[in-house]
Amino acid sequence: MIRPPTTEQRIIAYAKAGKSPAEIANLTGRTISTVYHYTCKARRAGFHIPKAHGGARAVDGETVIALKATTAKALHPEAADRGMSLNQFCNALLAAISEDDLEEAILGDGGKANA
């Protein structure tokens, strides 16, 4: 029986194809740190993987944001309960907040920075 590629194999294949870590994270639903972990591991094992240049980039008109590890850890079970990747869940959550104008209700800062 042929098994589908593991997350690690998919990440390495995307990296070999020249995708940036941000693109790979978006495609696999994994964090950028997970992408770096597997690409560094593959380089140490002798795989030729081109180095990414220039940091996180938008993919297909999207903006890349970073989550604190504690936030990602807290949200991951919620995403899993819905059968979603963390990336998909965060996008759905932020879209719902924005569409329903809930920013003020959630943050309670009067719309002011550093309040």
Protein backbone atom coordinates (compact mmCIF):
# COMPACT_ATOMS: atom_id res chain seq x y z
CA MET A 1 0.00 0.00 0.00
CA ILE A 2 1.31 3.42 -0.93
CA ARG A 3 1.23 5.93 1.89
CA PRO A 4 0.73 9.65 1.35
CA PRO A 5 3.82 11.78 1.98
CA THR A 6 4.43 12.83 5.56
CA THR A 7 4.41 16.48 6.55
CA GLU A 8 8.21 16.38 6.67
CA GLN A 9 8.41 14.94 3.15
CA ARG A 10 5.99 17.55 1.81
CA ILE A 11 7.94 20.39 3.45
CA ILE A 12 11.24 19.13 2.03
CA ALA A 13 9.72 18.74 -1.46
CA TYR A 14 8.37 22.30 -1.39
CA ALA A 15 11.72 23.60 -0.13
CA LYS A 16 13.62 21.78 -2.88
CA ALA A 17 11.22 23.37 -5.37
CA GLY A 18 12.32 26.81 -4.12
CA LYS A 19 9.25 27.77 -2.08
CA SER A 20 9.85 30.20 0.78
CA PRO A 21 9.26 29.08 4.38
CA ALA A 22 6.17 31.33 4.52
CA GLU A 23 4.78 29.74 1.36
CA ILE A 24 5.48 26.24 2.68
CA ALA A 25 3.83 27.06 6.02
CA ASN A 26 0.79 28.35 4.15
CA LEU A 27 0.63 25.29 1.90
CA THR A 28 1.04 22.75 4.71
CA GLY A 29 -0.81 24.50 7.53
CA ARG A 30 2.30 24.27 9.73
CA THR A 31 4.22 27.03 11.46
CA ILE A 32 7.25 28.65 9.90
CA SER A 33 9.35 27.32 12.78
CA THR A 34 8.26 23.78 11.87
CA VAL A 35 9.26 24.44 8.27
CA TYR A 36 12.69 25.69 9.40
CA HIS A 37 13.10 22.66 11.68
CA TYR A 38 12.57 20.19 8.84
CA THR A 39 14.58 22.13 6.24
CA CYS A 40 17.54 22.48 8.63
CA LYS A 41 17.31 18.78 9.46
CA ALA A 42 17.30 17.94 5.74
CA ARG A 43 20.32 20.18 5.07
CA ARG A 44 22.24 18.45 7.88
CA ALA A 45 21.35 15.12 6.23
CA GLY A 46 22.91 16.34 2.98
CA PHE A 47 19.89 17.45 0.97
CA HIS A 48 20.41 20.52 -1.22
CA ILE A 49 17.75 22.99 -0.21
CA PRO A 50 18.13 26.59 -1.40
CA LYS A 51 18.21 29.24 1.31
CA ALA A 52 15.22 31.57 1.36
CA HIS A 53 15.91 35.27 1.02
CA GLY A 54 13.97 38.21 2.33
CA GLY A 55 11.77 36.92 5.14
CA ALA A 56 8.02 36.29 5.11
CA ARG A 57 6.20 37.25 1.94
CA ALA A 58 2.59 37.45 1.01
CA VAL A 59 1.31 34.39 -0.84
CA ASP A 60 -1.52 34.69 -3.34
CA GLY A 61 -2.49 38.13 -2.07
CA GLU A 62 -2.38 37.10 1.58
CA THR A 63 -0.50 38.77 4.40
CA VAL A 64 1.72 36.66 6.61
CA ILE A 65 1.38 37.22 10.36
CA ALA A 66 3.27 35.67 13.26
CA LEU A 67 1.63 34.15 16.31
CA LYS A 68 3.28 33.81 19.67
CA ALA A 69 3.99 30.16 20.43
CA THR A 70 1.66 30.30 23.43
CA THR A 71 -1.17 31.64 21.28
CA ALA A 72 -0.62 28.98 18.62
CA LYS A 73 -0.56 26.28 21.30
CA ALA A 74 -3.84 27.55 22.78
CA LEU A 75 -5.58 27.75 19.39
CA HIS A 76 -4.33 24.47 17.94
CA PRO A 77 -6.90 22.27 19.80
CA GLU A 78 -9.73 24.56 18.62
CA ALA A 79 -8.53 24.18 15.04
CA ALA A 80 -8.17 20.41 15.37
CA ASP A 81 -11.69 20.11 16.82
CA ARG A 82 -12.95 21.71 13.61
CA GLY A 83 -10.77 19.60 11.32
CA MET A 84 -8.79 22.68 10.30
CA SER A 85 -5.11 23.55 10.22
CA LEU A 86 -4.03 26.31 12.57
CA ASN A 87 -3.60 28.60 9.55
CA GLN A 88 -7.13 27.88 8.30
CA PHE A 89 -8.60 28.35 11.77
CA CYS A 90 -6.84 31.69 12.35
CA ASN A 91 -7.99 32.95 8.95
CA ALA A 92 -11.59 31.93 9.67
CA LEU A 93 -11.46 33.44 13.16
CA LEU A 94 -10.04 36.77 11.99
CA ALA A 95 -12.48 36.91 9.07
CA ALA A 96 -15.44 36.39 11.43
CA ILE A 97 -14.15 39.08 13.80
CA SER A 98 -13.67 41.53 10.95
CA GLU A 99 -16.94 40.78 9.16
CA ASP A 100 -18.96 41.21 12.36
CA ASP A 101 -17.01 44.31 13.51
CA LEU A 102 -16.09 42.62 16.80
CA GLU A 103 -12.64 44.16 17.26
CA GLU A 104 -13.80 46.69 19.86
CA ALA A 105 -15.96 44.14 21.69
CA ILE A 106 -13.01 41.78 21.98
CA LEU A 107 -10.19 44.24 22.69
CA GLY A 108 -12.18 46.89 24.54
CA ASP A 109 -9.52 49.51 23.86
CA GLY A 110 -11.65 52.13 22.13
CA GLY A 111 -9.81 51.46 18.87
CA LYS A 112 -6.61 53.02 20.23
CA ALA A 113 -3.15 51.52 19.95
CA ASN A 114 -1.45 50.58 23.22
CA ALA A 115 -4.53 51.33 25.27
